[in-house]
Amino acid sequence: MTDGRSASLVKRAEGLFPGGVNSPVRAFGAVGGRPLLLERGEGPCVWDADGRRYLDYIGSWGPAILGHARRSPPDDARRTSEAR
């Protein structure tokens, strides 16, 4: 990532956080990488600030269980019970 809005936002973040992030992703710098600046997520995918889509293999706690930006579980349960 060396272009566009993402690069500009990462540069700004570097003035706020060590390495531009508040996580272990700072280690990217040790292997010549730069952190992704993710702007949104939906289902299993996330998008960076330049509109590039990635499949989120990391997941973490909430997304690993429900995906990104899913409807609320109670709504899903209600819809499922009404369909029967």
C-alpha atoms as a PDB file:
ATOM      1  CA  MET A   1       0.000   0.000   0.000  1.00  0.00           C
ATOM      2  CA  THR A   2       1.801   3.077  -1.198  1.00  0.00           C
ATOM      3  CA  ASP A   3      -0.960   5.077  -2.793  1.00  0.00           C
ATOM      4  CA  GLY A   4      -4.175   6.894  -2.234  1.00  0.00           C
ATOM      5  CA  ARG A   5      -6.181   7.646   0.816  1.00  0.00           C
ATOM      6  CA  SER A   6      -4.905   4.667   2.849  1.00  0.00           C
ATOM      7  CA  ALA A   7      -1.290   5.866   2.667  1.00  0.00           C
ATOM      8  CA  SER A   8      -2.324   9.353   3.747  1.00  0.00           C
ATOM      9  CA  LEU A   9      -4.339   8.033   6.692  1.00  0.00           C
ATOM     10  CA  VAL A  10      -1.551   5.678   7.801  1.00  0.00           C
ATOM     11  CA  LYS A  11       0.903   8.585   7.759  1.00  0.00           C
ATOM     12  CA  ARG A  12      -1.492  10.609   9.926  1.00  0.00           C
ATOM     13  CA  ALA A  13      -1.955   7.650  12.303  1.00  0.00           C
ATOM     14  CA  GLU A  14       1.818   7.312  12.687  1.00  0.00           C
ATOM     15  CA  GLY A  15       1.767  10.712  14.394  1.00  0.00           C
ATOM     16  CA  LEU A  16      -0.793   9.423  16.903  1.00  0.00           C
ATOM     17  CA  PHE A  17       0.324   5.842  17.656  1.00  0.00           C
ATOM     18  CA  PRO A  18       3.722   4.102  17.560  1.00  0.00           C
ATOM     19  CA  GLY A  19       3.888   2.516  14.118  1.00  0.00           C
ATOM     20  CA  GLY A  20       0.515   4.060  13.250  1.00  0.00           C
ATOM     21  CA  VAL A  21      -1.516   1.323  14.940  1.00  0.00           C
ATOM     22  CA  ASN A  22      -2.536   0.261  18.414  1.00  0.00           C
ATOM     23  CA  SER A  23      -1.849  -3.454  17.977  1.00  0.00           C
ATOM     24  CA  PRO A  24       0.870  -6.032  17.273  1.00  0.00           C
ATOM     25  CA  VAL A  25       0.533  -5.240  13.550  1.00  0.00           C
ATOM     26  CA  ARG A  26       3.418  -2.819  14.174  1.00  0.00           C
ATOM     27  CA  ALA A  27       5.613  -5.846  13.431  1.00  0.00           C
ATOM     28  CA  PHE A  28       4.793  -5.414   9.712  1.00  0.00           C
ATOM     29  CA  GLY A  29       7.517  -2.791   9.639  1.00  0.00           C
ATOM     30  CA  ALA A  30      10.116  -5.435  10.537  1.00  0.00           C
ATOM     31  CA  VAL A  31       9.339  -7.316   7.301  1.00  0.00           C
ATOM     32  CA  GLY A  32       8.935  -4.272   5.063  1.00  0.00           C
ATOM     33  CA  GLY A  33       5.136  -4.127   5.189  1.00  0.00           C
ATOM     34  CA  ARG A  34       2.715  -1.391   6.121  1.00  0.00           C
ATOM     35  CA  PRO A  35      -0.486  -1.877   8.111  1.00  0.00           C
ATOM     36  CA  LEU A  36      -3.771  -1.947   6.234  1.00  0.00           C
ATOM     37  CA  LEU A  37      -6.137   0.840   7.095  1.00  0.00           C
ATOM     38  CA  LEU A  38      -9.505  -0.899   7.120  1.00  0.00           C
ATOM     39  CA  GLU A  39     -12.557   1.257   6.738  1.00  0.00           C
ATOM     40  CA  ARG A  40     -15.456  -1.183   6.860  1.00  0.00           C
ATOM     41  CA  GLY A  41     -16.424  -4.827   7.016  1.00  0.00           C
ATOM     42  CA  GLU A  42     -19.325  -6.950   5.849  1.00  0.00           C
ATOM     43  CA  GLY A  43     -19.670 -10.685   6.336  1.00  0.00           C
ATOM     44  CA  PRO A  44     -16.224 -12.255   5.888  1.00  0.00           C
ATOM     45  CA  CYS A  45     -14.763  -9.279   3.992  1.00  0.00           C
ATOM     46  CA  VAL A  46     -13.131  -5.978   4.917  1.00  0.00           C
ATOM     47  CA  TRP A  47     -12.311  -2.964   2.719  1.00  0.00           C
ATOM     48  CA  ASP A  48      -9.441  -0.529   3.008  1.00  0.00           C
ATOM     49  CA  ALA A  49      -9.763   3.240   2.661  1.00  0.00           C
ATOM     50  CA  ASP A  50      -9.017   2.946  -1.074  1.00  0.00           C
ATOM     51  CA  GLY A  51     -11.866   0.498  -1.671  1.00  0.00           C
ATOM     52  CA  ARG A  52      -9.766  -2.674  -2.000  1.00  0.00           C
ATOM     53  CA  ARG A  53     -11.573  -5.761  -0.681  1.00  0.00           C
ATOM     54  CA  TYR A  54      -9.874  -8.425   1.456  1.00  0.00           C
ATOM     55  CA  LEU A  55     -11.079 -11.698   2.909  1.00  0.00           C
ATOM     56  CA  ASP A  56     -10.616 -11.422   6.693  1.00  0.00           C
ATOM     57  CA  TYR A  57      -8.704 -14.546   7.705  1.00  0.00           C
ATOM     58  CA  ILE A  58      -7.920 -13.073  11.142  1.00  0.00           C
ATOM     59  CA  GLY A  59     -11.480 -12.544  12.352  1.00  0.00           C
ATOM     60  CA  SER A  60     -10.829 -11.828  16.023  1.00  0.00           C
ATOM     61  CA  TRP A  61     -13.531 -12.238  18.648  1.00  0.00           C
ATOM     62  CA  GLY A  62     -16.691 -10.658  17.256  1.00  0.00           C
ATOM     63  CA  PRO A  63     -16.132 -11.217  13.532  1.00  0.00           C
ATOM     64  CA  ALA A  64     -15.024 -14.826  14.098  1.00  0.00           C
ATOM     65  CA  ILE A  65     -18.421 -15.590  15.601  1.00  0.00           C
ATOM     66  CA  LEU A  66     -20.826 -13.434  13.588  1.00  0.00           C
ATOM     67  CA  GLY A  67     -18.918 -11.858  10.699  1.00  0.00           C
ATOM     68  CA  HIS A  68     -18.606  -8.123  10.150  1.00  0.00           C
ATOM     69  CA  ALA A  69     -21.710  -5.887  10.161  1.00  0.00           C
ATOM     70  CA  ARG A  70     -24.235  -8.678  10.500  1.00  0.00           C
ATOM     71  CA  ARG A  71     -27.791  -8.136  11.556  1.00  0.00           C
ATOM     72  CA  SER A  72     -28.234  -8.597  15.263  1.00  0.00           C
ATOM     73  CA  PRO A  73     -28.510 -12.241  16.398  1.00  0.00           C
ATOM     74  CA  PRO A  74     -31.912 -11.646  18.045  1.00  0.00           C
ATOM     75  CA  ASP A  75     -33.270 -10.406  14.683  1.00  0.00           C
ATOM     76  CA  ASP A  76     -31.890 -13.507  12.963  1.00  0.00           C
ATOM     77  CA  ALA A  77     -33.453 -15.770  15.587  1.00  0.00           C
ATOM     78  CA  ARG A  78     -36.828 -14.027  15.258  1.00  0.00           C
ATOM     79  CA  ARG A  79     -36.808 -14.309  11.458  1.00  0.00           C
ATOM     80  CA  THR A  80     -35.881 -17.979  11.658  1.00  0.00           C
ATOM     81  CA  SER A  81     -38.648 -18.777  14.139  1.00  0.00           C
ATOM     82  CA  GLU A  82     -41.244 -16.862  12.099  1.00  0.00           C
ATOM     83  CA  ALA A  83     -40.277 -18.779   8.940  1.00  0.00           C
ATOM     84  CA  ARG A  84     -41.226 -22.126  10.528  1.00  0.00           C
END
